[in-house]
N, C-alpha and C. Protein backbone atom coordinates (compact mmCIF):
# COMPACT_ATOMS: atom_id res chain seq x y z
N MET A 1 141.52 189.83 121.68
CA MET A 1 141.11 190.47 120.45
C MET A 1 140.00 191.47 120.77
N THR A 2 140.15 192.68 120.24
CA THR A 2 139.15 193.69 120.51
C THR A 2 137.93 193.49 119.63
N ARG A 3 136.85 194.12 120.05
CA ARG A 3 135.60 194.00 119.30
C ARG A 3 135.78 194.49 117.86
N SER A 4 136.51 195.57 117.67
CA SER A 4 136.66 196.14 116.34
C SER A 4 137.43 195.24 115.37
N THR A 5 138.29 194.37 115.87
CA THR A 5 138.98 193.47 114.95
C THR A 5 138.02 192.46 114.32
N HIS A 6 136.88 192.24 114.94
CA HIS A 6 135.87 191.35 114.35
C HIS A 6 135.29 191.94 113.07
N LEU A 7 135.44 193.24 112.90
CA LEU A 7 134.97 193.87 111.67
C LEU A 7 135.70 193.33 110.45
N LEU A 8 136.88 192.77 110.66
CA LEU A 8 137.67 192.20 109.57
C LEU A 8 137.22 190.80 109.17
N ASP A 9 136.42 190.14 110.00
CA ASP A 9 136.04 188.75 109.74
C ASP A 9 135.41 188.52 108.37
N PRO A 10 134.46 189.34 107.91
CA PRO A 10 133.88 189.09 106.58
C PRO A 10 134.90 189.21 105.46
N VAL A 11 135.82 190.16 105.59
CA VAL A 11 136.84 190.34 104.56
C VAL A 11 137.80 189.15 104.56
N GLN A 12 138.22 188.72 105.75
CA GLN A 12 139.13 187.57 105.84
C GLN A 12 138.46 186.31 105.30
N ALA A 13 137.20 186.10 105.64
CA ALA A 13 136.48 184.92 105.15
C ALA A 13 136.36 184.95 103.63
N ALA A 14 136.06 186.11 103.07
CA ALA A 14 135.94 186.22 101.61
C ALA A 14 137.31 186.02 100.95
N LEU A 15 138.35 186.55 101.55
CA LEU A 15 139.70 186.38 101.03
C LEU A 15 140.10 184.90 101.03
N ASP A 16 139.79 184.21 102.12
CA ASP A 16 140.09 182.78 102.21
C ASP A 16 139.31 181.99 101.16
N ALA A 17 138.03 182.33 101.00
CA ALA A 17 137.20 181.63 100.02
C ALA A 17 137.71 181.87 98.60
N PHE A 18 138.14 183.09 98.32
CA PHE A 18 138.70 183.40 97.00
C PHE A 18 139.97 182.60 96.77
N ALA A 19 140.84 182.55 97.77
CA ALA A 19 142.10 181.81 97.64
C ALA A 19 141.87 180.33 97.38
N GLN A 20 140.77 179.80 97.91
CA GLN A 20 140.44 178.39 97.72
C GLN A 20 139.65 178.14 96.44
N GLY A 21 139.34 179.20 95.71
CA GLY A 21 138.59 179.06 94.46
C GLY A 21 137.09 178.96 94.67
N ASN A 22 136.61 179.30 95.85
CA ASN A 22 135.19 179.19 96.16
C ASN A 22 134.44 180.50 96.05
N LEU A 23 135.11 181.56 95.61
CA LEU A 23 134.49 182.87 95.51
C LEU A 23 135.14 183.61 94.36
N THR A 24 134.35 184.35 93.62
CA THR A 24 134.90 185.12 92.50
C THR A 24 135.54 186.41 93.00
N ALA A 25 136.37 186.99 92.17
CA ALA A 25 136.99 188.27 92.51
C ALA A 25 135.93 189.34 92.71
N SER A 26 134.89 189.29 91.91
CA SER A 26 133.81 190.26 92.02
C SER A 26 133.09 190.16 93.36
N ARG A 27 132.83 188.95 93.81
CA ARG A 27 132.16 188.76 95.10
C ARG A 27 133.07 189.16 96.26
N LEU A 28 134.34 188.84 96.16
CA LEU A 28 135.30 189.28 97.18
C LEU A 28 135.29 190.80 97.26
N SER A 29 135.35 191.43 96.12
CA SER A 29 135.35 192.89 96.08
C SER A 29 134.06 193.46 96.67
N ASP A 30 132.93 192.90 96.29
CA ASP A 30 131.64 193.36 96.82
C ASP A 30 131.59 193.24 98.33
N THR A 31 132.09 192.13 98.85
CA THR A 31 132.09 191.91 100.29
C THR A 31 132.96 192.93 100.99
N ALA A 32 134.16 193.14 100.48
CA ALA A 32 135.09 194.09 101.11
C ALA A 32 134.56 195.51 101.04
N ARG A 33 134.01 195.89 99.89
CA ARG A 33 133.50 197.25 99.73
C ARG A 33 132.29 197.53 100.62
N ALA A 34 131.56 196.49 100.99
CA ALA A 34 130.35 196.64 101.80
C ALA A 34 130.64 196.85 103.28
N GLN A 35 131.90 196.78 103.68
CA GLN A 35 132.25 196.87 105.11
C GLN A 35 132.44 198.32 105.54
N ALA A 36 131.37 199.09 105.51
CA ALA A 36 131.43 200.52 105.85
C ALA A 36 131.91 200.75 107.28
N ASP A 37 131.46 199.93 108.22
CA ASP A 37 131.88 200.10 109.62
C ASP A 37 133.39 199.86 109.77
N LEU A 38 133.89 198.86 109.06
CA LEU A 38 135.32 198.58 109.10
C LEU A 38 136.11 199.76 108.56
N LEU A 39 135.73 200.24 107.39
CA LEU A 39 136.47 201.33 106.77
C LEU A 39 136.37 202.61 107.60
N ALA A 40 135.26 202.80 108.27
CA ALA A 40 135.12 203.98 109.13
C ALA A 40 135.99 203.87 110.38
N ALA A 41 136.28 202.66 110.82
CA ALA A 41 137.08 202.45 112.02
C ALA A 41 138.58 202.58 111.75
N LEU A 42 138.96 202.58 110.50
CA LEU A 42 140.38 202.66 110.11
C LEU A 42 140.73 204.05 109.60
N PRO A 43 142.00 204.41 109.65
CA PRO A 43 142.42 205.69 109.05
C PRO A 43 142.05 205.71 107.56
N PRO A 44 141.77 206.89 107.00
CA PRO A 44 141.32 206.99 105.60
C PRO A 44 142.24 206.33 104.58
N ARG A 45 143.53 206.32 104.85
CA ARG A 45 144.46 205.72 103.86
C ARG A 45 144.18 204.23 103.66
N TYR A 46 143.63 203.56 104.65
CA TYR A 46 143.32 202.14 104.51
C TYR A 46 142.25 201.92 103.44
N ALA A 47 141.24 202.77 103.43
CA ALA A 47 140.20 202.64 102.41
C ALA A 47 140.78 202.87 101.02
N GLU A 48 141.64 203.88 100.89
CA GLU A 48 142.25 204.17 99.60
C GLU A 48 143.04 202.97 99.08
N VAL A 49 143.84 202.38 99.94
CA VAL A 49 144.66 201.23 99.55
C VAL A 49 143.78 200.04 99.21
N LEU A 50 142.80 199.75 100.06
CA LEU A 50 141.92 198.61 99.81
C LEU A 50 141.19 198.76 98.48
N LEU A 51 140.62 199.92 98.23
CA LEU A 51 139.87 200.12 96.98
C LEU A 51 140.77 200.00 95.76
N GLY A 52 142.00 200.46 95.87
CA GLY A 52 142.94 200.29 94.78
C GLY A 52 143.27 198.83 94.51
N LEU A 53 143.49 198.08 95.57
CA LEU A 53 143.77 196.64 95.42
C LEU A 53 142.57 195.92 94.82
N LEU A 54 141.38 196.26 95.28
CA LEU A 54 140.17 195.60 94.76
C LEU A 54 139.95 195.94 93.29
N ASP A 55 140.21 197.18 92.91
CA ASP A 55 140.09 197.55 91.49
C ASP A 55 141.03 196.73 90.63
N ARG A 56 142.27 196.57 91.09
CA ARG A 56 143.24 195.78 90.32
C ARG A 56 142.83 194.30 90.29
N LEU A 57 142.30 193.79 91.40
CA LEU A 57 141.86 192.39 91.43
C LEU A 57 140.72 192.17 90.43
N GLU A 58 139.76 193.08 90.42
CA GLU A 58 138.66 192.95 89.47
C GLU A 58 139.16 193.03 88.03
N SER A 59 140.12 193.91 87.77
CA SER A 59 140.70 194.01 86.43
C SER A 59 141.41 192.73 86.04
N SER A 60 142.14 192.16 86.98
CA SER A 60 142.88 190.94 86.68
C SER A 60 141.95 189.78 86.37
N ALA A 61 140.76 189.79 86.94
CA ALA A 61 139.81 188.71 86.71
C ALA A 61 139.23 188.74 85.29
N LEU A 62 139.36 189.88 84.61
CA LEU A 62 138.83 190.01 83.26
C LEU A 62 139.74 189.41 82.20
N PHE A 63 140.98 189.14 82.57
CA PHE A 63 141.97 188.66 81.62
C PHE A 63 142.63 187.40 82.15
N SER A 64 143.25 186.67 81.21
CA SER A 64 144.04 185.52 81.66
C SER A 64 145.26 186.05 82.40
N GLU A 65 145.83 185.23 83.24
CA GLU A 65 146.98 185.64 84.06
C GLU A 65 148.13 186.18 83.20
N GLU A 66 148.32 185.61 82.01
CA GLU A 66 149.45 186.01 81.18
C GLU A 66 149.24 187.38 80.54
N SER A 67 147.99 187.75 80.27
CA SER A 67 147.75 189.00 79.54
C SER A 67 147.45 190.17 80.46
N CYS A 68 147.44 189.95 81.74
CA CYS A 68 147.11 191.02 82.67
C CYS A 68 148.37 191.49 83.39
N SER A 69 148.45 192.78 83.61
CA SER A 69 149.63 193.31 84.29
C SER A 69 149.56 193.11 85.80
N PHE A 70 148.42 192.65 86.32
CA PHE A 70 148.26 192.41 87.75
C PHE A 70 148.19 190.91 88.02
N SER A 71 149.07 190.42 88.82
CA SER A 71 149.06 189.02 89.20
C SER A 71 148.06 188.79 90.33
N GLN A 72 147.10 187.89 90.12
CA GLN A 72 146.13 187.61 91.18
C GLN A 72 146.82 187.08 92.42
N LYS A 73 147.85 186.30 92.24
CA LYS A 73 148.59 185.76 93.38
C LYS A 73 149.20 186.90 94.21
N ASP A 74 149.82 187.85 93.52
CA ASP A 74 150.42 188.99 94.22
C ASP A 74 149.35 189.87 94.86
N LEU A 75 148.24 190.07 94.17
CA LEU A 75 147.16 190.87 94.73
C LEU A 75 146.56 190.21 95.95
N LEU A 76 146.43 188.90 95.91
CA LEU A 76 145.93 188.15 97.06
C LEU A 76 146.86 188.34 98.25
N ALA A 77 148.15 188.26 98.01
CA ALA A 77 149.13 188.48 99.09
C ALA A 77 149.04 189.91 99.62
N SER A 78 148.86 190.87 98.74
CA SER A 78 148.73 192.26 99.17
C SER A 78 147.45 192.48 99.97
N LEU A 79 146.37 191.85 99.57
CA LEU A 79 145.11 191.96 100.32
C LEU A 79 145.26 191.33 101.70
N GLN A 80 145.95 190.21 101.79
CA GLN A 80 146.17 189.58 103.09
C GLN A 80 147.04 190.47 103.97
N MET A 81 148.04 191.12 103.38
CA MET A 81 148.87 192.05 104.13
C MET A 81 148.02 193.22 104.63
N TRP A 82 147.09 193.70 103.78
CA TRP A 82 146.20 194.79 104.19
C TRP A 82 145.37 194.36 105.40
N VAL A 83 144.80 193.15 105.36
CA VAL A 83 144.01 192.64 106.48
C VAL A 83 144.86 192.55 107.74
N ASP A 84 146.07 192.03 107.60
CA ASP A 84 146.95 191.89 108.76
C ASP A 84 147.30 193.25 109.38
N LYS A 85 147.60 194.22 108.53
CA LYS A 85 147.94 195.57 109.05
C LYS A 85 146.71 196.25 109.64
N ALA A 86 145.55 196.04 109.01
CA ALA A 86 144.32 196.62 109.55
C ALA A 86 144.00 196.01 110.91
N ARG A 87 144.22 194.71 111.04
CA ARG A 87 143.98 194.05 112.32
C ARG A 87 144.89 194.63 113.42
N GLN A 88 146.15 194.85 113.06
CA GLN A 88 147.09 195.43 114.01
C GLN A 88 146.67 196.85 114.39
N THR A 89 146.26 197.63 113.40
CA THR A 89 145.82 199.00 113.67
C THR A 89 144.59 199.02 114.57
N LEU A 90 143.65 198.14 114.33
CA LEU A 90 142.44 198.09 115.16
C LEU A 90 142.73 197.58 116.56
N SER A 91 143.78 196.79 116.70
CA SER A 91 144.14 196.25 118.02
C SER A 91 144.88 197.25 118.89
N ASP A 92 145.53 198.21 118.26
CA ASP A 92 146.32 199.20 119.01
C ASP A 92 145.44 200.12 119.83
């Protein structure tokens, strides 16, 4: 594993904590948004996608699952896919 893939560790830890119910969507978002070094190490499109997913996650947290057009479960899966693809990109 390269040094730069460690930049994903805070995001992965926050994502895991959110999935387990130990972290709010807002805190997950704050953690991910604070990773300036990570976002700088990735192509610009990664930041665009991540910020879009985080915006939808924060929106979904404001409503019950039934009344929101964004499924937290689906967003969580998309965020995990983003982490996995970012890890692959940083490893290349």
